[in-house]
Amino acid sequence: MSDCSVSLANSFLTFIIDFCIKQDIPFKTKVIDEIWNDYG
């Protein structure tokens, strides 16, 4: 995560958020704005 691409970083962040949602892991960080245009 020091030098990966922008697209890979976005994909990884989306993957983390999706994992938290599916596993019912609560998160305090307000990063949910990252998914506004992701229908899935």
All heavy atoms as atom14 arrays in JSON, in Angstrom:
{
  "sequence": "MSDCSVSLANSFLTFIIDFCIKQDIPFKTKVIDEIWNDYG",
  "atom14_mask": [
    [1, 1, 1, 1, 1, 1, 1, 1, 0, 0, 0, 0, 0, 0],
    [1, 1, 1, 1, 1, 1, 0, 0, 0, 0, 0, 0, 0, 0],
    [1, 1, 1, 1, 1, 1, 1, 1, 0, 0, 0, 0, 0, 0],
    [1, 1, 1, 1, 1, 1, 0, 0, 0, 0, 0, 0, 0, 0],
    [1, 1, 1, 1, 1, 1, 0, 0, 0, 0, 0, 0, 0, 0],
    [1, 1, 1, 1, 1, 1, 1, 0, 0, 0, 0, 0, 0, 0],
    [1, 1, 1, 1, 1, 1, 0, 0, 0, 0, 0, 0, 0, 0],
    [1, 1, 1, 1, 1, 1, 1, 1, 0, 0, 0, 0, 0, 0],
    [1, 1, 1, 1, 1, 0, 0, 0, 0, 0, 0, 0, 0, 0],
    [1, 1, 1, 1, 1, 1, 1, 1, 0, 0, 0, 0, 0, 0],
    [1, 1, 1, 1, 1, 1, 0, 0, 0, 0, 0, 0, 0, 0],
    [1, 1, 1, 1, 1, 1, 1, 1, 1, 1, 1, 0, 0, 0],
    [1, 1, 1, 1, 1, 1, 1, 1, 0, 0, 0, 0, 0, 0],
    [1, 1, 1, 1, 1, 1, 1, 0, 0, 0, 0, 0, 0, 0],
    [1, 1, 1, 1, 1, 1, 1, 1, 1, 1, 1, 0, 0, 0],
    [1, 1, 1, 1, 1, 1, 1, 1, 0, 0, 0, 0, 0, 0],
    [1, 1, 1, 1, 1, 1, 1, 1, 0, 0, 0, 0, 0, 0],
    [1, 1, 1, 1, 1, 1, 1, 1, 0, 0, 0, 0, 0, 0],
    [1, 1, 1, 1, 1, 1, 1, 1, 1, 1, 1, 0, 0, 0],
    [1, 1, 1, 1, 1, 1, 0, 0, 0, 0, 0, 0, 0, 0],
    [1, 1, 1, 1, 1, 1, 1, 1, 0, 0, 0, 0, 0, 0],
    [1, 1, 1, 1, 1, 1, 1, 1, 1, 0, 0, 0, 0, 0],
    [1, 1, 1, 1, 1, 1, 1, 1, 1, 0, 0, 0, 0, 0],
    [1, 1, 1, 1, 1, 1, 1, 1, 0, 0, 0, 0, 0, 0],
    [1, 1, 1, 1, 1, 1, 1, 1, 0, 0, 0, 0, 0, 0],
    [1, 1, 1, 1, 1, 1, 1, 0, 0, 0, 0, 0, 0, 0],
    [1, 1, 1, 1, 1, 1, 1, 1, 1, 1, 1, 0, 0, 0],
    [1, 1, 1, 1, 1, 1, 1, 1, 1, 0, 0, 0, 0, 0],
    [1, 1, 1, 1, 1, 1, 1, 0, 0, 0, 0, 0, 0, 0],
    [1, 1, 1, 1, 1, 1, 1, 1, 1, 0, 0, 0, 0, 0],
    [1, 1, 1, 1, 1, 1, 1, 0, 0, 0, 0, 0, 0, 0],
    [1, 1, 1, 1, 1, 1, 1, 1, 0, 0, 0, 0, 0, 0],
    [1, 1, 1, 1, 1, 1, 1, 1, 0, 0, 0, 0, 0, 0],
    [1, 1, 1, 1, 1, 1, 1, 1, 1, 0, 0, 0, 0, 0],
    [1, 1, 1, 1, 1, 1, 1, 1, 0, 0, 0, 0, 0, 0],
    [1, 1, 1, 1, 1, 1, 1, 1, 1, 1, 1, 1, 1, 1],
    [1, 1, 1, 1, 1, 1, 1, 1, 0, 0, 0, 0, 0, 0],
    [1, 1, 1, 1, 1, 1, 1, 1, 0, 0, 0, 0, 0, 0],
    [1, 1, 1, 1, 1, 1, 1, 1, 1, 1, 1, 1, 0, 0],
    [1, 1, 1, 1, 0, 0, 0, 0, 0, 0, 0, 0, 0, 0]
  ],
  "atom14_positions": [
    [[0.82, -1.21, 0.0], [0.0, 0.0, 0.0], [0.86, 1.27, 0.0], [0.34, 2.37, 0.15], [-0.97, -0.01, 1.18], [-2.18, -0.88, 0.91], [-3.43, -0.81, 2.18], [-2.63, -1.7, 3.5], [0.0, 0.0, 0.0], [0.0, 0.0, 0.0], [0.0, 0.0, 0.0], [0.0, 0.0, 0.0], [0.0, 0.0, 0.0], [0.0, 0.0, 0.0]],
    [[2.14, 1.1, -0.18], [3.01, 2.27, -0.31], [3.11, 2.72, -1.76], [3.34, 3.9, -2.04], [4.41, 1.96, 0.22], [5.01, 0.92, -0.53], [0.0, 0.0, 0.0], [0.0, 0.0, 0.0], [0.0, 0.0, 0.0], [0.0, 0.0, 0.0], [0.0, 0.0, 0.0], [0.0, 0.0, 0.0], [0.0, 0.0, 0.0], [0.0, 0.0, 0.0]],
    [[2.93, 1.78, -2.7], [3.11, 2.15, -4.1], [2.18, 1.42, -5.07], [2.44, 1.39, -6.27], [4.56, 1.9, -4.52], [4.96, 0.43, -4.4], [4.14, -0.38, -3.94], [6.11, 0.09, -4.77], [0.0, 0.0, 0.0], [0.0, 0.0, 0.0], [0.0, 0.0, 0.0], [0.0, 0.0, 0.0], [0.0, 0.0, 0.0], [0.0, 0.0, 0.0]],
    [[1.09, 0.81, -4.58], [0.16, 0.14, -5.5], [-0.6, 1.19, -6.32], [-0.54, 2.38, -6.03], [-0.81, -0.76, -4.74], [-1.99, 0.11, -3.7], [0.0, 0.0, 0.0], [0.0, 0.0, 0.0], [0.0, 0.0, 0.0], [0.0, 0.0, 0.0], [0.0, 0.0, 0.0], [0.0, 0.0, 0.0], [0.0, 0.0, 0.0], [0.0, 0.0, 0.0]],
    [[-1.32, 0.75, -7.34], [-2.02, 1.68, -8.22], [-3.28, 2.23, -7.56], [-3.8, 1.66, -6.59], [-2.39, 0.98, -9.53], [-3.38, -0.01, -9.3], [0.0, 0.0, 0.0], [0.0, 0.0, 0.0], [0.0, 0.0, 0.0], [0.0, 0.0, 0.0], [0.0, 0.0, 0.0], [0.0, 0.0, 0.0], [0.0, 0.0, 0.0], [0.0, 0.0, 0.0]],
    [[-3.77, 3.33, -8.1], [-5.01, 3.94, -7.61], [-6.18, 2.97, -7.76], [-7.0, 2.82, -6.84], [-5.31, 5.25, -8.39], [-6.76, 5.69, -8.17], [-4.36, 6.35, -7.95], [0.0, 0.0, 0.0], [0.0, 0.0, 0.0], [0.0, 0.0, 0.0], [0.0, 0.0, 0.0], [0.0, 0.0, 0.0], [0.0, 0.0, 0.0], [0.0, 0.0, 0.0]],
    [[-6.26, 2.3, -8.91], [-7.37, 1.38, -9.16], [-7.33, 0.19, -8.21], [-8.36, -0.26, -7.71], [-7.36, 0.9, -10.62], [-6.14, 0.24, -10.92], [0.0, 0.0, 0.0], [0.0, 0.0, 0.0], [0.0, 0.0, 0.0], [0.0, 0.0, 0.0], [0.0, 0.0, 0.0], [0.0, 0.0, 0.0], [0.0, 0.0, 0.0], [0.0, 0.0, 0.0]],
    [[-6.13, -0.34, -7.94], [-6.0, -1.46, -7.01], [-6.39, -1.03, -5.6], [-7.06, -1.77, -4.87], [-4.59, -2.01, -7.03], [-4.32, -3.22, -6.13], [-5.2, -4.39, -6.55], [-2.85, -3.62, -6.16], [0.0, 0.0, 0.0], [0.0, 0.0, 0.0], [0.0, 0.0, 0.0], [0.0, 0.0, 0.0], [0.0, 0.0, 0.0], [0.0, 0.0, 0.0]],
    [[-5.98, 0.18, -5.21], [-6.33, 0.69, -3.89], [-7.85, 0.83, -3.74], [-8.41, 0.48, -2.7], [-5.66, 2.04, -3.65], [0.0, 0.0, 0.0], [0.0, 0.0, 0.0], [0.0, 0.0, 0.0], [0.0, 0.0, 0.0], [0.0, 0.0, 0.0], [0.0, 0.0, 0.0], [0.0, 0.0, 0.0], [0.0, 0.0, 0.0], [0.0, 0.0, 0.0]],
    [[-8.5, 1.32, -4.79], [-9.96, 1.44, -4.76], [-10.62, 0.08, -4.64], [-11.59, -0.11, -3.89], [-10.47, 2.15, -6.02], [-10.44, 3.66, -5.88], [-10.48, 4.2, -4.78], [-10.35, 4.36, -7.0], [0.0, 0.0, 0.0], [0.0, 0.0, 0.0], [0.0, 0.0, 0.0], [0.0, 0.0, 0.0], [0.0, 0.0, 0.0], [0.0, 0.0, 0.0]],
    [[-10.11, -0.88, -5.39], [-10.67, -2.24, -5.36], [-10.5, -2.86, -3.98], [-11.41, -3.52, -3.47], [-10.0, -3.12, -6.41], [-10.26, -2.65, -7.71], [0.0, 0.0, 0.0], [0.0, 0.0, 0.0], [0.0, 0.0, 0.0], [0.0, 0.0, 0.0], [0.0, 0.0, 0.0], [0.0, 0.0, 0.0], [0.0, 0.0, 0.0], [0.0, 0.0, 0.0]],
    [[-9.34, -2.64, -3.37], [-9.06, -3.21, -2.05], [-9.96, -2.56, -0.99], [-10.5, -3.25, -0.12], [-7.59, -3.01, -1.69], [-7.17, -3.69, -0.42], [-7.56, -4.99, -0.14], [-6.36, -3.03, 0.5], [-7.16, -5.63, 1.03], [-5.96, -3.65, 1.68], [-6.37, -4.95, 1.95], [0.0, 0.0, 0.0], [0.0, 0.0, 0.0], [0.0, 0.0, 0.0]],
    [[-10.14, -1.24, -1.08], [-11.02, -0.55, -0.13], [-12.46, -1.03, -0.27], [-13.15, -1.28, 0.72], [-10.93, 0.96, -0.34], [-11.81, 1.83, 0.56], [-11.48, 1.57, 2.04], [-11.61, 3.3, 0.23], [0.0, 0.0, 0.0], [0.0, 0.0, 0.0], [0.0, 0.0, 0.0], [0.0, 0.0, 0.0], [0.0, 0.0, 0.0], [0.0, 0.0, 0.0]],
    [[-12.91, -1.18, -1.51], [-14.26, -1.7, -1.76], [-14.42, -3.1, -1.2], [-15.44, -3.44, -0.6], [-14.55, -1.71, -3.27], [-14.51, -0.38, -3.77], [-15.94, -2.28, -3.56], [0.0, 0.0, 0.0], [0.0, 0.0, 0.0], [0.0, 0.0, 0.0], [0.0, 0.0, 0.0], [0.0, 0.0, 0.0], [0.0, 0.0, 0.0], [0.0, 0.0, 0.0]],
    [[-13.38, -3.93, -1.37], [-13.39, -5.3, -0.86], [-13.52, -5.31, 0.66], [-14.28, -6.1, 1.23], [-12.1, -6.01, -1.29], [-11.95, -7.4, -0.76], [-12.59, -8.47, -1.37], [-11.16, -7.64, 0.36], [-12.44, -9.76, -0.88], [-11.02, -8.92, 0.86], [-11.66, -9.99, 0.24], [0.0, 0.0, 0.0], [0.0, 0.0, 0.0], [0.0, 0.0, 0.0]],
    [[-12.79, -4.42, 1.34], [-12.83, -4.36, 2.8], [-14.22, -3.95, 3.28], [-14.78, -4.56, 4.2], [-11.77, -3.37, 3.33], [-10.36, -3.89, 3.03], [-11.94, -3.16, 4.83], [-9.27, -2.88, 3.35], [0.0, 0.0, 0.0], [0.0, 0.0, 0.0], [0.0, 0.0, 0.0], [0.0, 0.0, 0.0], [0.0, 0.0, 0.0], [0.0, 0.0, 0.0]],
    [[-14.79, -2.91, 2.65], [-16.12, -2.45, 3.05], [-17.15, -3.55, 2.83], [-18.0, -3.81, 3.68], [-16.51, -1.18, 2.27], [-15.55, -0.03, 2.6], [-17.93, -0.76, 2.6], [-15.75, 1.21, 1.76], [0.0, 0.0, 0.0], [0.0, 0.0, 0.0], [0.0, 0.0, 0.0], [0.0, 0.0, 0.0], [0.0, 0.0, 0.0], [0.0, 0.0, 0.0]],
    [[-17.07, -4.2, 1.68], [-18.0, -5.28, 1.35], [-17.89, -6.41, 2.36], [-18.89, -6.98, 2.8], [-17.71, -5.79, -0.07], [-18.75, -6.77, -0.56], [-19.94, -6.54, -0.27], [-18.39, -7.76, -1.21], [0.0, 0.0, 0.0], [0.0, 0.0, 0.0], [0.0, 0.0, 0.0], [0.0, 0.0, 0.0], [0.0, 0.0, 0.0], [0.0, 0.0, 0.0]],
    [[-16.66, -6.75, 2.75], [-16.43, -7.82, 3.72], [-17.07, -7.46, 5.07], [-17.71, -8.29, 5.71], [-14.92, -8.05, 3.89], [-14.57, -9.17, 4.83], [-14.5, -10.46, 4.38], [-14.29, -8.9, 6.17], [-14.17, -11.51, 5.25], [-13.97, -9.93, 7.04], [-13.91, -11.23, 6.58], [0.0, 0.0, 0.0], [0.0, 0.0, 0.0], [0.0, 0.0, 0.0]],
    [[-16.88, -6.21, 5.5], [-17.45, -5.76, 6.78], [-18.97, -5.83, 6.76], [-19.61, -6.22, 7.74], [-16.99, -4.34, 7.09], [-15.26, -4.21, 7.58], [0.0, 0.0, 0.0], [0.0, 0.0, 0.0], [0.0, 0.0, 0.0], [0.0, 0.0, 0.0], [0.0, 0.0, 0.0], [0.0, 0.0, 0.0], [0.0, 0.0, 0.0], [0.0, 0.0, 0.0]],
    [[-19.56, -5.45, 5.64], [-21.02, -5.48, 5.52], [-21.53, -6.92, 5.59], [-22.47, -7.23, 6.33], [-21.47, -4.82, 4.2], [-21.19, -3.31, 4.25], [-22.96, -5.06, 3.95], [-21.42, -2.61, 2.93], [0.0, 0.0, 0.0], [0.0, 0.0, 0.0], [0.0, 0.0, 0.0], [0.0, 0.0, 0.0], [0.0, 0.0, 0.0], [0.0, 0.0, 0.0]],
    [[-20.91, -7.81, 4.83], [-21.37, -9.2, 4.77], [-21.15, -9.93, 6.09], [-21.95, -10.79, 6.47], [-20.66, -9.94, 3.63], [-21.1, -9.5, 2.25], [-20.37, -10.26, 1.16], [-20.86, -9.87, -0.22], [-20.14, -10.58, -1.3], [0.0, 0.0, 0.0], [0.0, 0.0, 0.0], [0.0, 0.0, 0.0], [0.0, 0.0, 0.0], [0.0, 0.0, 0.0]],
    [[-20.07, -9.61, 6.8], [-19.75, -10.28, 8.05], [-20.31, -9.55, 9.27], [-20.05, -9.94, 10.4], [-18.23, -10.43, 8.2], [-17.57, -11.23, 7.09], [-18.08, -12.66, 7.01], [-18.34, -13.29, 8.03], [-18.25, -13.17, 5.8], [0.0, 0.0, 0.0], [0.0, 0.0, 0.0], [0.0, 0.0, 0.0], [0.0, 0.0, 0.0], [0.0, 0.0, 0.0]],
    [[-21.05, -8.48, 9.02], [-21.68, -7.7, 10.09], [-20.65, -7.16, 11.07], [-20.85, -7.18, 12.29], [-22.73, -8.54, 10.83], [-23.74, -7.68, 11.58], [-23.96, -6.53, 11.16], [-24.29, -8.15, 12.59], [0.0, 0.0, 0.0], [0.0, 0.0, 0.0], [0.0, 0.0, 0.0], [0.0, 0.0, 0.0], [0.0, 0.0, 0.0], [0.0, 0.0, 0.0]],
    [[-19.54, -6.67, 10.53], [-18.5, -6.06, 11.35], [-18.74, -4.55, 11.39], [-18.72, -3.89, 10.34], [-17.09, -6.34, 10.77], [-16.83, -7.85, 10.75], [-16.02, -5.62, 11.57], [-15.53, -8.23, 10.06], [0.0, 0.0, 0.0], [0.0, 0.0, 0.0], [0.0, 0.0, 0.0], [0.0, 0.0, 0.0], [0.0, 0.0, 0.0], [0.0, 0.0, 0.0]],
    [[-19.0, -3.98, 12.56], [-19.28, -2.54, 12.63], [-18.02, -1.72, 12.35], [-16.91, -2.15, 12.67], [-19.75, -2.34, 14.08], [-19.08, -3.45, 14.83], [-19.02, -4.62, 13.89], [0.0, 0.0, 0.0], [0.0, 0.0, 0.0], [0.0, 0.0, 0.0], [0.0, 0.0, 0.0], [0.0, 0.0, 0.0], [0.0, 0.0, 0.0], [0.0, 0.0, 0.0]],
    [[-18.2, -0.6, 11.71], [-17.05, 0.27, 11.48], [-17.41, 1.71, 11.8], [-18.49, 2.19, 11.49], [-16.53, 0.15, 10.04], [-17.6, 0.18, 8.97], [-18.02, 1.37, 8.4], [-18.19, -1.0, 8.54], [-18.99, 1.39, 7.43], [-19.16, -0.99, 7.55], [-19.57, 0.21, 6.99], [0.0, 0.0, 0.0], [0.0, 0.0, 0.0], [0.0, 0.0, 0.0]],
    [[-16.48, 2.38, 12.45], [-16.69, 3.77, 12.86], [-16.24, 4.74, 11.78], [-16.75, 5.83, 11.65], [-15.9, 4.06, 14.14], [-16.24, 3.13, 15.31], [-15.47, 3.49, 16.56], [-13.98, 3.21, 16.4], [-13.67, 1.77, 16.33], [0.0, 0.0, 0.0], [0.0, 0.0, 0.0], [0.0, 0.0, 0.0], [0.0, 0.0, 0.0], [0.0, 0.0, 0.0]],
    [[-15.27, 4.31, 10.99], [-14.69, 5.19, 9.99], [-15.71, 5.56, 8.91], [-16.36, 4.68, 8.35], [-13.48, 4.51, 9.31], [-12.61, 4.05, 10.32], [-12.77, 5.48, 8.41], [0.0, 0.0, 0.0], [0.0, 0.0, 0.0], [0.0, 0.0, 0.0], [0.0, 0.0, 0.0], [0.0, 0.0, 0.0], [0.0, 0.0, 0.0], [0.0, 0.0, 0.0]],
    [[-15.83, 6.84, 8.62], [-16.8, 7.27, 7.6], [-16.17, 7.17, 6.22], [-15.77, 8.15, 5.62], [-17.27, 8.7, 7.88], [-18.23, 8.82, 9.04], [-18.93, 10.15, 9.05], [-19.84, 10.26, 7.83], [-20.64, 11.5, 7.84], [0.0, 0.0, 0.0], [0.0, 0.0, 0.0], [0.0, 0.0, 0.0], [0.0, 0.0, 0.0], [0.0, 0.0, 0.0]],
    [[-16.1, 5.96, 5.71], [-15.59, 5.75, 4.36], [-16.71, 5.22, 3.47], [-16.49, 4.85, 2.33], [-14.41, 4.76, 4.34], [-13.24, 5.31, 5.09], [-14.82, 3.43, 4.9], [0.0, 0.0, 0.0], [0.0, 0.0, 0.0], [0.0, 0.0, 0.0], [0.0, 0.0, 0.0], [0.0, 0.0, 0.0], [0.0, 0.0, 0.0], [0.0, 0.0, 0.0]],
    [[-17.92, 5.2, 4.0], [-19.04, 4.66, 3.23], [-19.3, 5.5, 1.98], [-19.95, 5.06, 1.04], [-20.31, 4.56, 4.11], [-21.25, 3.47, 3.61], [-21.01, 5.89, 4.23], [-20.76, 2.08, 3.84], [0.0, 0.0, 0.0], [0.0, 0.0, 0.0], [0.0, 0.0, 0.0], [0.0, 0.0, 0.0], [0.0, 0.0, 0.0], [0.0, 0.0, 0.0]],
    [[-18.77, 6.75, 1.97], [-18.94, 7.6, 0.8], [-18.25, 7.01, -0.42], [-18.53, 7.39, -1.56], [-18.41, 9.01, 1.06], [-16.94, 9.03, 1.44], [-16.5, 8.11, 2.16], [-16.24, 9.96, 1.03], [0.0, 0.0, 0.0], [0.0, 0.0, 0.0], [0.0, 0.0, 0.0], [0.0, 0.0, 0.0], [0.0, 0.0, 0.0], [0.0, 0.0, 0.0]],
    [[-17.31, 6.07, -0.2], [-16.6, 5.45, -1.3], [-17.51, 4.54, -2.14], [-17.16, 4.17, -3.25], [-15.44, 4.63, -0.77], [-14.32, 5.46, -0.18], [-13.62, 6.3, -1.22], [-13.32, 5.79, -2.29], [-13.39, 7.5, -0.95], [0.0, 0.0, 0.0], [0.0, 0.0, 0.0], [0.0, 0.0, 0.0], [0.0, 0.0, 0.0], [0.0, 0.0, 0.0]],
    [[-18.67, 4.15, -1.61], [-19.48, 3.16, -2.32], [-20.69, 3.77, -2.99], [-21.52, 3.07, -3.53], [-19.95, 2.05, -1.36], [-21.11, 2.54, -0.49], [-18.83, 1.52, -0.51], [-21.77, 1.46, 0.3], [0.0, 0.0, 0.0], [0.0, 0.0, 0.0], [0.0, 0.0, 0.0], [0.0, 0.0, 0.0], [0.0, 0.0, 0.0], [0.0, 0.0, 0.0]],
    [[-20.79, 5.09, -3.01], [-22.02, 5.72, -3.49], [-22.38, 5.32, -4.92], [-23.54, 5.23, -5.27], [-21.93, 7.24, -3.38], [-20.99, 7.88, -4.37], [-19.67, 8.12, -4.2], [-21.3, 8.38, -5.67], [-19.13, 8.72, -5.3], [-20.1, 8.89, -6.22], [-22.46, 8.44, -6.43], [-20.04, 9.46, -7.49], [-22.4, 9.0, -7.7], [-21.2, 9.5, -8.21]],
    [[-21.4, 5.08, -5.75], [-21.71, 4.74, -7.14], [-21.52, 3.26, -7.44], [-21.45, 2.85, -8.57], [-20.83, 5.56, -8.1], [-19.35, 5.26, -7.9], [-18.97, 4.63, -6.94], [-18.54, 5.74, -8.81], [0.0, 0.0, 0.0], [0.0, 0.0, 0.0], [0.0, 0.0, 0.0], [0.0, 0.0, 0.0], [0.0, 0.0, 0.0], [0.0, 0.0, 0.0]],
    [[-21.44, 2.45, -6.39], [-21.26, 1.02, -6.57], [-22.55, 0.3, -6.24], [-22.9, 0.11, -5.09], [-20.13, 0.51, -5.67], [-19.7, -0.9, -6.02], [-20.61, -1.73, -6.26], [-18.5, -1.18, -6.06], [0.0, 0.0, 0.0], [0.0, 0.0, 0.0], [0.0, 0.0, 0.0], [0.0, 0.0, 0.0], [0.0, 0.0, 0.0], [0.0, 0.0, 0.0]],
    [[-23.28, -0.14, -7.28], [-24.59, -0.76, -7.08], [-24.48, -2.0, -6.22], [-25.31, -2.23, -5.34], [-25.19, -1.12, -8.45], [-26.51, -1.84, -8.35], [-27.7, -1.15, -8.27], [-26.55, -3.24, -8.35], [-28.91, -1.81, -8.18], [-27.75, -3.91, -8.25], [-28.93, -3.2, -8.18], [-30.12, -3.84, -8.07], [0.0, 0.0, 0.0], [0.0, 0.0, 0.0]],
    [[-23.43, -2.79, -6.43], [-23.31, -4.03, -5.68], [-23.21, -3.82, -4.18], [-23.83, -4.52, -3.39], [0.0, 0.0, 0.0], [0.0, 0.0, 0.0], [0.0, 0.0, 0.0], [0.0, 0.0, 0.0], [0.0, 0.0, 0.0], [0.0, 0.0, 0.0], [0.0, 0.0, 0.0], [0.0, 0.0, 0.0], [0.0, 0.0, 0.0], [0.0, 0.0, 0.0]]
  ]
}
